[in-house]
Amino acid sequence: MQAYAQTKNIVINSNPDTSVSIEQTTTPSAGIEVGGVKLITDLPWYIDTVIIMAIIGIIYVGKKFVDKFFNV
């Protein structure tokens, strides 16, 4: 999925002879990257961080379960 910049234009006409144009460009968040794995959810950075920490927690608990299963 390719993230594209979003542009907003505002034109203000104070009288028929003059006008002011305002352009605002925003680039979507690049997400968070941990260990070469990039997570892009278009959510705030702290929610991305919670998702990464939940994944790490699941891996940790899974490793403990496998270790206990094989009596290592």
Protein backbone atom coordinates (compact mmCIF):
# COMPACT_ATOMS: atom_id res chain seq x y z
CA MET A 1 0.00 0.00 0.00
CA GLN A 2 1.45 3.35 -1.05
CA ALA A 3 0.90 6.39 1.16
CA TYR A 4 0.30 9.61 -0.74
CA ALA A 5 0.51 13.20 0.48
CA GLN A 6 -2.80 14.92 1.09
CA THR A 7 -3.19 18.50 -0.12
CA LYS A 8 -5.77 21.08 0.94
CA ASN A 9 -6.19 24.42 -0.84
CA ILE A 10 -7.90 27.49 0.61
CA VAL A 11 -8.57 30.57 -1.51
CA ILE A 12 -9.59 33.82 0.21
CA ASN A 13 -11.05 36.62 -1.89
CA SER A 14 -11.08 39.91 0.00
CA ASN A 15 -12.22 41.88 -3.05
CA PRO A 16 -12.47 41.17 -6.78
CA ASP A 17 -8.89 42.36 -7.49
CA THR A 18 -6.93 40.42 -4.83
CA SER A 19 -6.98 36.92 -3.48
CA VAL A 20 -4.80 34.83 -1.20
CA SER A 21 -4.20 31.14 -1.80
CA ILE A 22 -3.07 28.82 1.00
CA GLU A 23 -1.88 25.27 0.30
CA GLN A 24 -1.31 22.72 3.05
CA THR A 25 0.35 19.40 2.34
CA THR A 26 0.46 16.59 4.87
CA THR A 27 2.21 13.27 4.53
CA PRO A 28 0.65 10.30 6.30
CA SER A 29 2.60 8.75 9.15
CA ALA A 30 5.32 6.33 8.15
CA GLY A 31 4.32 4.05 11.02
CA ILE A 32 6.65 2.40 13.48
CA GLU A 33 9.53 0.05 12.71
CA VAL A 34 11.03 -2.52 15.08
CA GLY A 35 13.73 -4.95 14.02
CA GLY A 36 13.12 -4.42 10.31
CA VAL A 37 9.37 -5.03 10.65
CA LYS A 38 7.29 -1.98 9.78
CA LEU A 39 3.75 -1.50 11.08
CA ILE A 40 1.59 1.07 9.28
CA THR A 41 -1.96 1.33 10.64
CA ASP A 42 -2.68 5.06 10.12
CA LEU A 43 -3.36 5.20 13.86
CA PRO A 44 -1.46 7.33 16.40
CA TRP A 45 2.07 6.19 17.26
CA TYR A 46 1.11 5.03 20.75
CA ILE A 47 -1.47 2.58 19.39
CA ASP A 48 1.14 1.22 16.98
CA THR A 49 3.46 0.81 19.99
CA VAL A 50 0.79 -1.06 21.98
CA ILE A 51 0.26 -3.42 19.02
CA ILE A 52 4.01 -4.10 18.77
CA MET A 53 4.25 -4.72 22.53
CA ALA A 54 1.26 -7.10 22.40
CA ILE A 55 2.93 -9.07 19.60
CA ILE A 56 6.18 -9.25 21.59
CA GLY A 57 4.20 -10.40 24.65
CA ILE A 58 2.48 -13.16 22.66
CA ILE A 59 5.85 -14.35 21.33
CA TYR A 60 7.32 -14.32 24.88
CA VAL A 61 4.42 -16.33 26.36
CA GLY A 62 4.55 -18.74 23.41
CA LYS A 63 8.27 -19.28 23.94
CA LYS A 64 7.72 -19.97 27.66
CA PHE A 65 4.98 -22.47 26.79
CA VAL A 66 7.20 -24.28 24.28
CA ASP A 67 10.10 -24.35 26.78
CA LYS A 68 7.81 -25.79 29.46
CA PHE A 69 6.36 -28.32 27.01
CA PHE A 70 9.82 -29.63 26.08
CA ASN A 71 11.19 -29.30 29.67
CA VAL A 72 14.12 -27.12 28.63
